[in-house]
Protein backbone atom coordinates (compact mmCIF):
# COMPACT_ATOMS: atom_id res chain seq x y z
CA MET A 1 0.00 0.00 0.00
CA ILE A 2 1.28 3.46 -0.95
CA PRO A 3 1.07 6.16 1.75
CA LYS A 4 -1.38 9.00 1.07
CA SER A 5 1.39 11.61 1.25
CA ASN A 6 3.21 9.95 -1.66
CA LEU A 7 0.01 9.82 -3.71
CA ARG A 8 -0.61 13.49 -3.00
CA LYS A 9 2.95 14.43 -4.04
CA THR A 10 2.58 12.40 -7.22
CA ALA A 11 -0.74 14.05 -8.04
CA ILE A 12 0.68 17.53 -7.44
CA GLY A 13 3.73 16.74 -9.58
CA ALA A 14 1.54 15.44 -12.39
CA MET A 15 -0.66 18.53 -12.19
CA ILE A 16 2.37 20.85 -12.36
CA LEU A 17 3.74 18.91 -15.34
CA LEU A 18 0.39 19.03 -17.17
CA CYS A 19 0.05 22.77 -16.49
CA ALA A 20 3.57 23.44 -17.79
CA LEU A 21 2.97 21.38 -20.94
CA THR A 22 -0.37 23.10 -21.51
CA LEU A 23 1.18 26.58 -21.19
CA LEU A 24 3.95 25.60 -23.60
CA SER A 25 1.32 24.26 -25.97
CA CYS A 26 -0.65 27.52 -25.71
CA VAL A 27 2.31 29.54 -26.95
CA SER A 28 3.22 27.08 -29.70
CA SER A 29 -0.37 26.67 -30.83
CA PHE A 30 -0.91 30.43 -30.96
CA VAL A 31 2.07 30.88 -33.31
CA ILE A 32 0.97 27.97 -35.50
CA TYR A 33 -2.66 29.10 -35.70
CA ARG A 34 -1.69 32.73 -36.33
CA ASN A 35 0.44 31.62 -39.28
CA GLY A 36 -2.53 29.61 -40.50
CA PHE A 37 -4.57 32.81 -40.75
CA ALA A 38 -1.83 34.76 -42.55
CA ASP A 39 -4.15 35.88 -45.35
CA LEU A 40 -6.30 37.91 -42.91
CA PRO A 41 -5.58 41.31 -41.33
CA ARG A 42 -3.34 41.20 -38.24
CA GLN A 43 -6.09 41.79 -35.64
CA PHE A 44 -8.21 38.97 -37.11
CA GLN A 45 -5.18 36.67 -37.14
CA THR A 46 -4.66 37.29 -33.44
CA ALA A 47 -8.35 36.98 -32.51
CA LEU A 48 -8.88 33.76 -34.45
CA ALA A 49 -5.63 32.25 -33.16
CA LEU A 50 -6.71 33.03 -29.58
CA CYS A 51 -10.10 31.42 -30.21
CA CYS A 52 -8.40 28.27 -31.52
CA VAL A 53 -6.03 28.12 -28.55
CA VAL A 54 -8.89 28.54 -26.07
CA ALA A 55 -10.91 25.85 -27.87
CA VAL A 56 -8.11 23.25 -28.00
CA GLU A 57 -6.59 23.88 -24.58
CA GLY A 58 -9.97 24.40 -22.91
CA CYS A 59 -11.35 21.17 -24.34
CA PHE A 60 -8.23 19.32 -23.23
CA ALA A 61 -8.56 20.66 -19.68
CA TRP A 62 -12.30 19.91 -19.60
CA LEU A 63 -11.78 16.33 -20.77
CA LEU A 64 -9.03 15.77 -18.19
CA TYR A 65 -11.23 17.16 -15.44
CA GLY A 66 -14.20 15.09 -16.56
CA PHE A 67 -12.14 11.93 -16.83
CA ALA A 68 -10.70 12.44 -13.35
CA THR A 69 -13.86 13.47 -11.54
CA SER A 70 -17.26 13.22 -13.19
CA PHE A 71 -17.32 10.75 -16.07
CA SER A 72 -18.47 7.45 -14.60
CA SER A 73 -19.56 5.08 -17.38
CA ALA A 74 -17.13 3.16 -19.55
CA VAL A 75 -18.47 4.89 -22.67
CA GLU A 76 -17.96 8.37 -21.20
CA ARG A 77 -14.46 7.52 -20.04
CA GLY A 78 -13.58 5.90 -23.38
CA VAL A 79 -14.76 8.86 -25.42
CA SER A 80 -12.98 11.19 -23.01
CA MET A 81 -9.73 9.23 -23.34
CA ALA A 82 -9.99 9.26 -27.14
CA GLY A 83 -10.47 13.03 -27.05
CA ILE A 84 -7.54 13.48 -24.66
CA VAL A 85 -5.26 11.42 -26.91
CA PHE A 86 -6.37 13.34 -30.02
CA LEU A 87 -5.92 16.76 -28.40
CA PHE A 88 -2.61 15.78 -26.81
CA SER A 89 -1.31 14.67 -30.20
CA THR A 90 -2.47 17.99 -31.70
CA MET A 91 -0.68 19.86 -28.93
CA ALA A 92 2.48 17.79 -29.43
CA VAL A 93 2.54 18.43 -33.18
CA ASN A 94 2.17 22.16 -32.52
CA ILE A 95 5.01 22.18 -29.97
CA VAL A 96 7.37 20.27 -32.27
CA THR A 97 6.45 22.36 -35.32
CA HIS A 98 6.92 25.62 -33.42
CA TYR A 99 10.29 24.41 -32.10
CA GLN A 100 11.44 23.59 -35.61
CA MET A 101 10.23 26.97 -36.90
CA ALA A 102 12.06 28.80 -34.07
CA LYS A 103 15.29 26.87 -34.68
CA ARG A 104 14.89 27.27 -38.47
CA ILE A 105 14.83 23.52 -39.00
CA GLU A 106 13.12 22.58 -42.25
CA LEU A 107 9.56 21.37 -41.80
CA ASN A 108 8.46 18.16 -43.45
CA GLU A 109 5.51 17.97 -45.83
CA PHE A 110 3.03 17.03 -43.11
CA GLN A 111 4.02 20.03 -40.97
CA ARG A 112 3.77 22.46 -43.90
CA GLY A 113 0.33 21.07 -44.69
CA TRP A 114 -0.60 21.35 -41.00
CA ILE A 115 0.20 25.07 -41.01
CA GLU A 116 -1.38 25.77 -44.40
CA TRP A 117 -4.58 23.89 -43.59
């Protein structure tokens, strides 16, 4: 049996890690989404990119919260997990693509299509 203090420390550590990754994803996603709206005026680029970031990151946080606290049936938890995996992969692609753009590493065809889409 694991002591409650260790479980609490693990939960706090996981929460800090998820918050840090989500904040990093917010910045990366904003840059990616803003570039995706490059054909619009600057203020619309910013507004639409912020809407996309709020939608993706907010949905990710909501699904995590629901999975951890309120979703009780196997169907709810399965759909929630599928959504978490999909959104986490979206966040990871945005982080990696933004890193490559910042370091001026050539993007592959998938990443260029990701930005242009």
